[in-house]
Amino acid sequence: MATAAYVLGSTIVGLAILIYAGFLAARYFFVPRYPDEIHFATTSDGWRLAVARYRPAGQTLRAEPVLLIHGIAANRNSLDLTDDLSLARHLAARGHDVWLVELRGRGLSMRPRLFSPVRYDWSFDEYAERDLPAAAQAVVRATGARRLHLVGFSTGALAAYAWLSDSHRELEVASLVSLGGPTSFKRMSRSLSGRLVRNLRWLRHRWLMRVMAPVSGYWHPSPLQIIHNPENTDGNIQRRAMVNMIANFSRNELLQYSDWILNDTFRSIDHRRDYRAELPRITTPTLFLAGTRDVLAPPDAVKLTFDSVGSADKQFQICSRAQGMRVNYGHYDLLIGREAPTEIYPLVARWIEAHADLSTTRGELPVASA
């Protein structure tokens, strides 16, 4: 009896220490990031989404707005982590009107909370069919633009594919940049178990990442190298990313991803849509970027997507030393890698600028009400 009480007491103390460690990590590694404006969009099923705006202060505003879409289990900070590691601010500095959507369950968007009416029960399909259309409409409504550009990272790129191939889409998209966006998962299955992904659907890992943050970045075990190439990622940035970027998965989202990995398919959770089969419908000019060290989105998987997309104006580029870059890129270091601001961000900007309607370029716009 005394032994059982001792074990229970030790467990409670251990959990208390872990909770306190997570709290301290969140405070110490917190990075305050504030956009110029925050707008909100409401989806067709009632979710409230935050859409952050980054305005080009004191510069000529380029033609159409740019909507950024973050990746898997992340929030807006993955695209605006520090002043230097910020694709959003890089594009704004070049004169673009930049918008950044936080998909449901992340950041400033509506999230499941205790006694809240929403739960962790959405799938990827809601990102593509509800969140992205609502965010895009909010952008064109606020700016008065006729069309916009999309930049999607990882799952954000996949959501863009699914939206662009939707026969019900009405809004015109001027161009797309896909960063690490595969539609084949055959090679991914060699490094990431679909069954493990399915069994982790009850885990709320955001808090766990905060607890681990203080000791991360000092060594690089093989499982973590699935996410990034440590050669291109500073330890301090990795710790800040674990505290500021991470968002929890949804249960159905992980069930859907496990289906993709186990069966090498890219389809809706109810099998209503085969997103891979719909890729030929996409006629939007698209740039595909893939890191040679990317395990989650290996170059051959991204190349398959490039080959399948129906656009006549498309380009595929591997980000590696063999292509003249300073480092072989992994997955997340396409966004927050040490060399990303000088090698990856300019590629994104140049593609958007090559497909912008410069006839509508105008001076700085008045601030829209959030």
Protein backbone atom coordinates (compact mmCIF):
# COMPACT_ATOMS: atom_id res chain seq x y z
CA MET A 1 0.00 0.00 0.00
CA ALA A 2 2.80 2.37 0.92
CA THR A 3 4.63 1.46 -2.28
CA ALA A 4 1.56 2.27 -4.39
CA ALA A 5 1.19 5.62 -2.63
CA TYR A 6 4.86 6.36 -3.25
CA VAL A 7 4.55 5.54 -6.95
CA LEU A 8 1.43 7.71 -7.26
CA GLY A 9 3.09 10.58 -5.44
CA SER A 10 6.23 10.32 -7.58
CA THR A 11 4.11 10.30 -10.73
CA ILE A 12 2.23 13.42 -9.67
CA VAL A 13 5.48 15.21 -8.81
CA GLY A 14 7.01 14.15 -12.13
CA LEU A 15 4.03 15.45 -14.08
CA ALA A 16 4.12 18.71 -12.14
CA ILE A 17 7.79 19.14 -13.02
CA LEU A 18 7.09 18.48 -16.71
CA ILE A 19 4.22 20.96 -16.74
CA TYR A 20 6.39 23.58 -15.09
CA ALA A 21 9.21 22.86 -17.58
CA GLY A 22 6.77 23.39 -20.45
CA PHE A 23 5.62 26.67 -18.91
CA LEU A 24 9.21 27.92 -18.51
CA ALA A 25 10.12 26.88 -22.04
CA ALA A 26 7.13 28.74 -23.42
CA ARG A 27 8.14 31.87 -21.55
CA TYR A 28 11.88 31.75 -22.28
CA PHE A 29 11.71 30.82 -25.98
CA PHE A 30 8.59 32.79 -26.83
CA VAL A 31 9.03 35.02 -29.90
CA PRO A 32 6.47 37.86 -30.12
CA ARG A 33 5.46 38.29 -33.77
CA TYR A 34 2.90 40.92 -34.73
CA PRO A 35 1.53 41.45 -38.26
CA ASP A 36 0.33 44.84 -39.42
CA GLU A 37 -3.32 43.79 -39.38
CA ILE A 38 -5.37 40.79 -38.34
CA HIS A 39 -8.56 40.04 -40.24
CA PHE A 40 -11.01 37.23 -39.64
CA ALA A 41 -12.89 35.01 -42.07
CA THR A 42 -15.78 32.66 -41.31
CA THR A 43 -15.93 29.32 -43.09
CA SER A 44 -19.08 27.75 -44.48
CA ASP A 45 -19.23 25.45 -41.42
CA GLY A 46 -18.80 28.27 -38.90
CA TRP A 47 -15.10 28.24 -38.01
CA ARG A 48 -13.46 31.65 -37.46
CA LEU A 49 -10.06 31.92 -39.16
CA ALA A 50 -7.37 34.52 -38.56
CA VAL A 51 -5.77 36.04 -41.67
CA ALA A 52 -2.71 38.16 -40.85
CA ARG A 53 -1.63 40.98 -43.15
CA TYR A 54 1.90 42.28 -43.77
CA ARG A 55 1.93 45.59 -45.59
CA PRO A 56 4.89 46.99 -47.55
CA ALA A 57 5.53 50.20 -45.61
CA GLY A 58 6.76 53.07 -47.74
CA GLN A 59 7.04 51.05 -50.94
CA THR A 60 5.06 50.65 -54.13
CA LEU A 61 2.40 48.00 -53.69
CA ARG A 62 2.59 45.32 -56.35
CA ALA A 63 -0.44 44.22 -58.30
CA GLU A 64 -2.20 41.35 -56.55
CA PRO A 65 -2.10 40.17 -52.93
CA VAL A 66 -0.18 37.04 -51.89
CA LEU A 67 -1.79 34.46 -49.59
CA LEU A 68 0.60 32.22 -47.61
CA ILE A 69 -0.54 28.82 -46.28
CA HIS A 70 1.45 27.18 -43.50
CA GLY A 71 2.27 23.49 -43.23
CA ILE A 72 1.35 20.47 -41.18
CA ALA A 73 0.88 20.87 -37.40
CA ALA A 74 2.05 24.48 -37.56
CA ASN A 75 0.77 28.04 -37.36
CA ARG A 76 1.58 31.41 -38.92
CA ASN A 77 4.93 31.63 -37.10
CA SER A 78 6.41 29.06 -39.46
CA LEU A 79 6.24 31.77 -42.11
CA ASP A 80 7.22 34.59 -39.75
CA LEU A 81 9.47 33.21 -37.01
CA THR A 82 12.05 36.03 -36.73
CA ASP A 83 12.78 39.20 -38.66
CA ASP A 84 15.27 37.28 -40.81
CA LEU A 85 13.44 33.94 -41.05
CA SER A 86 10.19 35.35 -42.36
CA LEU A 87 8.96 34.64 -45.87
CA ALA A 88 6.01 36.95 -45.14
CA ARG A 89 8.23 39.93 -44.32
CA HIS A 90 10.63 39.18 -47.17
CA LEU A 91 7.80 39.43 -49.69
CA ALA A 92 6.39 42.53 -48.00
CA ALA A 93 9.83 44.16 -48.20
CA ARG A 94 9.73 43.62 -51.97
CA GLY A 95 6.46 45.51 -52.23
CA HIS A 96 3.89 42.73 -51.95
CA ASP A 97 0.63 42.88 -50.01
CA VAL A 98 1.11 39.67 -48.00
CA TRP A 99 -1.61 37.71 -46.20
CA LEU A 100 -1.11 34.64 -44.03
CA VAL A 101 -3.99 32.33 -43.11
CA GLU A 102 -4.01 30.26 -39.94
CA LEU A 103 -6.02 27.14 -40.67
CA ARG A 104 -8.64 25.95 -38.19
CA GLY A 105 -7.36 24.83 -34.79
CA ARG A 106 -4.19 26.95 -34.99
CA GLY A 107 -2.90 30.18 -33.53
CA LEU A 108 -5.43 33.00 -33.54
CA SER A 109 -8.05 30.99 -35.41
CA MET A 110 -10.82 29.17 -33.58
CA ARG A 111 -9.38 26.29 -31.55
CA PRO A 112 -10.89 23.46 -29.52
CA ARG A 113 -10.87 24.35 -25.85
CA LEU A 114 -12.47 23.04 -22.70
CA PHE A 115 -16.28 23.36 -23.05
CA SER A 116 -15.93 24.86 -26.57
CA PRO A 117 -18.38 23.80 -29.30
CA VAL A 118 -15.60 22.52 -31.60
CA ARG A 119 -13.46 19.40 -31.29
CA TYR A 120 -10.31 17.94 -32.83
CA ASP A 121 -12.38 16.15 -35.46
CA TRP A 122 -11.71 17.91 -38.77
CA SER A 123 -9.81 16.41 -41.71
CA PHE A 124 -7.50 17.76 -44.41
CA ASP A 125 -10.56 18.21 -46.62
CA GLU A 126 -11.76 21.12 -44.47
CA TYR A 127 -8.49 22.94 -45.13
CA ALA A 128 -8.94 22.65 -48.89
CA GLU A 129 -12.70 23.00 -49.26
CA ARG A 130 -13.60 25.41 -46.47
CA ASP A 131 -10.63 27.21 -44.90
CA LEU A 132 -8.67 28.19 -47.99
CA PRO A 133 -11.70 29.47 -49.96
CA ALA A 134 -12.87 31.51 -46.95
CA ALA A 135 -9.41 33.04 -46.41
CA ALA A 136 -8.99 33.86 -50.11
CA GLN A 137 -12.39 35.55 -50.23
CA ALA A 138 -11.48 37.62 -47.17
CA VAL A 139 -8.30 38.78 -48.90
CA VAL A 140 -9.92 39.86 -52.16
CA ARG A 141 -12.78 41.48 -50.27
CA ALA A 142 -10.37 43.56 -48.17
CA THR A 143 -8.11 44.51 -51.07
CA GLY A 144 -10.56 44.79 -53.93
CA ALA A 145 -8.24 42.60 -56.02
CA ARG A 146 -9.55 40.48 -58.87
CA ARG A 147 -7.15 37.62 -58.18
CA LEU A 148 -4.32 36.59 -55.85
CA HIS A 149 -1.14 34.50 -55.65
CA LEU A 150 -0.74 31.43 -53.45
CA VAL A 151 2.34 30.17 -51.61
CA GLY A 152 1.84 26.84 -49.84
CA PHE A 153 4.28 24.94 -47.68
CA SER A 154 3.92 21.17 -47.19
CA THR A 155 0.26 20.49 -46.31
CA GLY A 156 -0.47 24.08 -47.28
CA ALA A 157 0.69 23.26 -50.81
CA LEU A 158 -1.49 20.14 -50.84
CA ALA A 159 -4.49 22.20 -49.75
CA ALA A 160 -3.75 24.59 -52.62
CA TYR A 161 -3.71 21.70 -55.12
CA ALA A 162 -7.05 20.43 -53.85
CA TRP A 163 -8.62 23.90 -53.99
CA LEU A 164 -7.23 24.74 -57.42
CA SER A 165 -8.54 21.46 -58.87
CA ASP A 166 -12.02 21.96 -57.37
CA SER A 167 -14.55 22.45 -60.15
CA HIS A 168 -16.59 24.76 -57.88
CA ARG A 169 -13.78 27.28 -57.37
CA GLU A 170 -14.71 30.76 -58.60
CA LEU A 171 -11.79 32.96 -57.55
CA GLU A 172 -8.93 33.38 -60.03
CA VAL A 173 -5.42 32.50 -58.84
CA ALA A 174 -2.53 34.19 -60.64
CA SER A 175 0.23 31.78 -59.57
CA LEU A 176 1.19 29.13 -57.05
CA VAL A 177 4.49 28.35 -55.33
CA SER A 178 4.66 24.89 -53.79
CA LEU A 179 7.36 24.38 -51.15
CA GLY A 180 7.81 20.70 -50.32
CA GLY A 181 4.36 19.64 -51.54
CA PRO A 182 4.26 15.95 -52.62
CA THR A 183 1.25 13.95 -53.77
CA SER A 184 2.96 10.56 -53.60
CA PHE A 185 3.80 9.01 -50.24
CA LYS A 186 5.47 5.76 -51.27
CA ARG A 187 8.96 6.82 -50.24
CA MET A 188 7.70 8.58 -47.12
CA SER A 189 6.36 5.24 -45.87
CA ARG A 190 9.93 3.93 -45.59
CA SER A 191 10.71 6.48 -42.88
CA LEU A 192 7.30 7.19 -41.34
CA SER A 193 4.86 4.46 -40.35
CA GLY A 194 1.27 5.03 -41.37
CA ARG A 195 0.11 2.82 -38.50
CA LEU A 196 2.12 4.89 -36.03
CA VAL A 197 0.56 8.08 -37.41
CA ARG A 198 -2.89 6.56 -36.93
CA ASN A 199 -2.18 5.51 -33.36
CA LEU A 200 -0.91 8.98 -32.43
CA ARG A 201 -4.22 10.66 -33.24
CA TRP A 202 -5.09 11.13 -29.55
CA LEU A 203 -1.78 12.78 -28.72
CA ARG A 204 -1.72 16.55 -28.16
CA HIS A 205 1.95 17.01 -28.95
CA ARG A 206 2.17 20.82 -28.80
CA TRP A 207 2.78 20.74 -25.05
CA LEU A 208 5.27 17.86 -25.43
CA MET A 209 7.30 19.88 -27.94
CA ARG A 210 7.48 22.76 -25.47
CA VAL A 211 8.76 20.44 -22.75
CA MET A 212 11.45 19.08 -25.09
CA ALA A 213 12.44 22.48 -26.50
CA PRO A 214 15.14 23.43 -23.93
CA VAL A 215 17.20 20.29 -24.69
CA SER A 216 16.62 20.14 -28.45
CA GLY A 217 19.07 21.33 -31.07
CA TYR A 218 22.17 20.11 -29.22
CA TRP A 219 22.11 16.73 -30.92
CA HIS A 220 20.15 15.44 -33.89
CA PRO A 221 18.73 11.92 -33.57
CA SER A 222 17.66 10.28 -36.82
CA PRO A 223 13.88 10.61 -36.27
CA LEU A 224 14.17 14.41 -36.06
CA GLN A 225 16.07 14.52 -39.34
CA ILE A 226 12.82 13.56 -41.04
CA ILE A 227 11.64 17.10 -40.35
CA HIS A 228 14.74 19.12 -41.29
CA ASN A 229 18.39 18.98 -42.26
CA PRO A 230 20.30 19.90 -39.06
CA GLU A 231 23.18 21.14 -41.19
CA ASN A 232 20.96 24.04 -42.22
CA THR A 233 19.19 24.71 -38.90
CA ASP A 234 20.56 26.59 -35.89
CA GLY A 235 19.86 24.98 -32.51
CA ASN A 236 18.49 28.22 -31.10
CA ILE A 237 16.07 28.51 -34.02
CA GLN A 238 15.01 24.90 -33.54
CA ARG A 239 14.18 25.57 -29.89
CA ARG A 240 12.19 28.69 -30.74
CA ALA A 241 10.38 26.83 -33.52
CA MET A 242 9.30 24.06 -31.14
CA VAL A 243 7.75 26.60 -28.78
CA ASN A 244 6.25 29.06 -31.26
CA MET A 245 5.37 27.10 -34.41
CA ILE A 246 3.72 23.90 -33.24
CA ALA A 247 -0.03 23.24 -33.32
CA ASN A 248 -1.94 20.06 -32.47
CA PHE A 249 -3.19 17.60 -35.06
CA SER A 250 -6.83 16.66 -35.44
CA ARG A 251 -7.83 13.03 -34.98
CA ASN A 252 -9.40 12.69 -38.43
CA GLU A 253 -6.51 14.55 -40.00
CA LEU A 254 -4.08 11.88 -38.78
CA LEU A 255 -6.42 9.09 -39.86
CA GLN A 256 -6.43 10.60 -43.33
CA TYR A 257 -2.65 11.01 -43.46
CA SER A 258 -2.20 7.39 -42.36
CA ASP A 259 -4.42 6.34 -45.28
CA TRP A 260 -2.23 8.32 -47.68
CA ILE A 261 0.97 6.75 -46.34
CA LEU A 262 -0.30 3.17 -46.10
CA ASN A 263 -1.98 3.16 -49.50
CA ASP A 264 0.10 5.78 -51.36
CA THR A 265 -2.98 7.77 -52.21
CA PHE A 266 -4.01 11.42 -52.04
CA ARG A 267 -7.75 11.49 -51.52
CA SER A 268 -10.51 12.84 -49.31
CA ILE A 269 -11.25 11.03 -46.07
CA ASP A 270 -14.56 9.75 -47.45
CA HIS A 271 -12.96 8.82 -50.82
CA ARG A 272 -15.29 11.29 -52.50
CA ARG A 273 -12.41 13.02 -54.27
CA ASP A 274 -9.16 11.63 -55.64
CA TYR A 275 -7.01 14.74 -55.41
CA ARG A 276 -4.12 13.16 -57.31
CA ALA A 277 -6.38 12.25 -60.22
CA GLU A 278 -7.62 15.85 -60.29
CA LEU A 279 -4.15 17.41 -60.65
CA PRO A 280 -4.47 17.75 -64.48
CA ARG A 281 -7.29 20.26 -63.85
CA ILE A 282 -4.77 22.73 -62.40
CA THR A 283 -3.79 25.29 -65.03
CA THR A 284 -2.34 27.88 -62.66
CA PRO A 285 1.35 28.77 -63.29
CA THR A 286 3.19 26.80 -60.61
CA LEU A 287 6.71 26.66 -59.20
CA PHE A 288 7.63 23.45 -57.37
CA LEU A 289 10.56 23.53 -54.92
CA ALA A 290 11.90 20.33 -53.35
CA GLY A 291 14.78 19.71 -50.97
CA THR A 292 17.15 16.89 -51.80
CA ARG A 293 17.35 15.94 -48.08
CA ASP A 294 13.57 16.16 -47.61
CA VAL A 295 12.21 12.83 -46.34
CA LEU A 296 8.60 14.03 -46.08
CA ALA A 297 8.56 15.51 -49.58
CA PRO A 298 11.39 13.86 -51.54
CA PRO A 299 12.16 15.34 -54.96
CA ASP A 300 10.74 12.39 -56.91
CA ALA A 301 7.40 12.72 -55.10
CA VAL A 302 7.25 16.45 -55.87
CA LYS A 303 8.34 15.76 -59.47
CA LEU A 304 5.40 13.38 -59.86
CA THR A 305 3.12 16.24 -58.87
CA PHE A 306 4.87 18.57 -61.32
CA ASP A 307 4.37 16.04 -64.13
CA SER A 308 0.69 15.59 -63.28
CA VAL A 309 -0.35 19.25 -63.02
CA GLY A 310 -2.01 20.48 -66.19
CA SER A 311 -0.42 23.94 -66.28
CA ALA A 312 1.59 24.80 -69.38
CA ASP A 313 3.61 27.26 -67.30
CA LYS A 314 5.34 25.29 -64.56
CA GLN A 315 8.83 24.80 -63.19
CA PHE A 316 10.45 22.21 -60.93
CA GLN A 317 13.61 22.93 -58.97
CA ILE A 318 15.61 20.81 -56.54
CA CYS A 319 17.18 22.82 -53.74
CA SER A 320 20.65 21.35 -53.27
CA ARG A 321 24.35 21.93 -53.59
CA ALA A 322 24.28 20.22 -56.97
CA GLN A 323 22.03 23.06 -58.15
CA GLY A 324 24.44 25.73 -56.93
CA MET A 325 23.02 26.28 -53.44
CA ARG A 326 25.07 26.35 -50.25
CA VAL A 327 23.31 23.42 -48.60
CA ASN A 328 21.12 20.39 -49.31
CA TYR A 329 17.67 21.35 -48.05
CA GLY A 330 15.41 19.22 -45.88
CA HIS A 331 11.74 19.93 -45.17
CA TYR A 332 11.26 22.74 -42.67
CA ASP A 333 14.58 24.35 -43.49
CA LEU A 334 13.00 25.42 -46.80
CA LEU A 335 11.33 28.00 -44.56
CA ILE A 336 13.49 28.46 -41.47
CA GLY A 337 16.85 27.13 -42.61
CA ARG A 338 19.95 29.26 -42.17
CA GLU A 339 20.28 29.85 -45.91
CA ALA A 340 16.56 30.06 -46.78
CA PRO A 341 16.33 33.90 -46.73
CA THR A 342 19.05 34.26 -49.37
CA GLU A 343 18.34 31.18 -51.51
CA ILE A 344 14.68 30.11 -51.19
CA TYR A 345 12.78 33.33 -50.49
CA PRO A 346 14.07 35.11 -53.63
CA LEU A 347 12.94 32.17 -55.80
CA VAL A 348 9.43 32.53 -54.41
CA ALA A 349 9.40 36.30 -54.91
CA ARG A 350 10.69 36.14 -58.48
CA TRP A 351 8.04 33.60 -59.51
CA ILE A 352 5.24 35.76 -58.11
CA GLU A 353 6.64 38.89 -59.74
CA ALA A 354 7.00 37.14 -63.10
CA HIS A 355 3.27 36.36 -63.02
CA ALA A 356 1.95 39.59 -61.53
CA ASP A 357 -0.35 41.91 -63.44
CA LEU A 358 1.82 45.01 -63.19
CA SER A 359 -0.77 47.10 -65.02
CA THR A 360 -2.69 47.30 -61.74
CA THR A 361 0.31 48.27 -59.59
CA ARG A 362 -0.61 51.20 -57.38
CA GLY A 363 0.64 53.16 -54.42
CA GLU A 364 0.21 52.18 -50.83
CA LEU A 365 -3.35 51.18 -50.01
CA PRO A 366 -5.34 52.61 -47.12
CA VAL A 367 -5.56 50.40 -44.07
CA ALA A 368 -8.59 48.17 -44.15
CA SER A 369 -10.55 47.64 -40.97
CA ALA A 370 -9.73 44.33 -39.29
